Amino acid sequence: MKNKYKSWITGIFLFVGICNGMAQNDSISDFSWSANVDLMSRYVWRGQQYGTGPSIQPALSGTWKNLTIGAWGAYELVASGTQETDFYISHSTGPFTFAIWDYWSYSETGTTDFFDYSENTTSHLLEAQVQVSGNEKLPLSLLGSYFFYGADHSKSIYLELQYAKSIQDAELLLFAGYQAKGNYYAEKAAFVNLGCTFSKPIALTERYSLPLILSLIVNPDRQRVQLVAGIRL
């Protein structure tokens, strides 16, 4: 099993190399790269807070036609808590996006073996996702995700409904996340992630603006409310 997932990860990097070669040749018009860095006051994901300090969150992805391969991370700036490095592959067709995520969390004071994929000891979480997105007339999207292997032995299922709205040069996102099965997010089936995210570019000069991100996040199961702020570079 361990060798199987090593091969899967190796395959991702091989694909990136192949796509890079294609981008330099005939398929350059079909290939694109994306990179950004978020600086957040806290790392909160699906209603769960990870760490106790500000978090730097880099992201890198390459897309060829409808196929995307990427990496994402979250690292505490002033504390030595849990750090995270994730990889994913996704494919879009019509309103549907299918993805496989490999979430790897580790503590700098504990084990840091990325290649440990043994189900009894791994800190990886492998997740299958499907998302269906609406259109401009109905800007709703529904995400379904399933931890099918790794540290969550309860194999949790998470569902999230989102509504996106443009307000002049700002974006508003409303979301409601529900754990339908398992105990990763809560001890029972429950709403764990309710709230909204507001993003707006703040002009610094005539040519440069800095996107501001504000999220109000409510976890009814844990009776916790958080206001998270960040900027995107």
Foldseek 3Di string as FASTA:
>chain_A
DLVVVVVVVVVLVVVVVVVVVCCVDDQVVQKDKDKKKKWKQFDADLQDTFDDGIWIKIKIWMGGHFKIKIKIWIDHDPDQTKIKIKIKIWGDDAQKIKMKMKIAIDTPVDDDDPSPQDQVDGRIWIKIKMKGADDPVFGKMKMWMWRPTHDQPFGKIKIKIWHWDDDPQKIKIWMWMWTQTGDPQHNHTDTAWGWMKIWGWDDPDPPDTKIKIWIWIAGVRVRDIDIMIMIMD
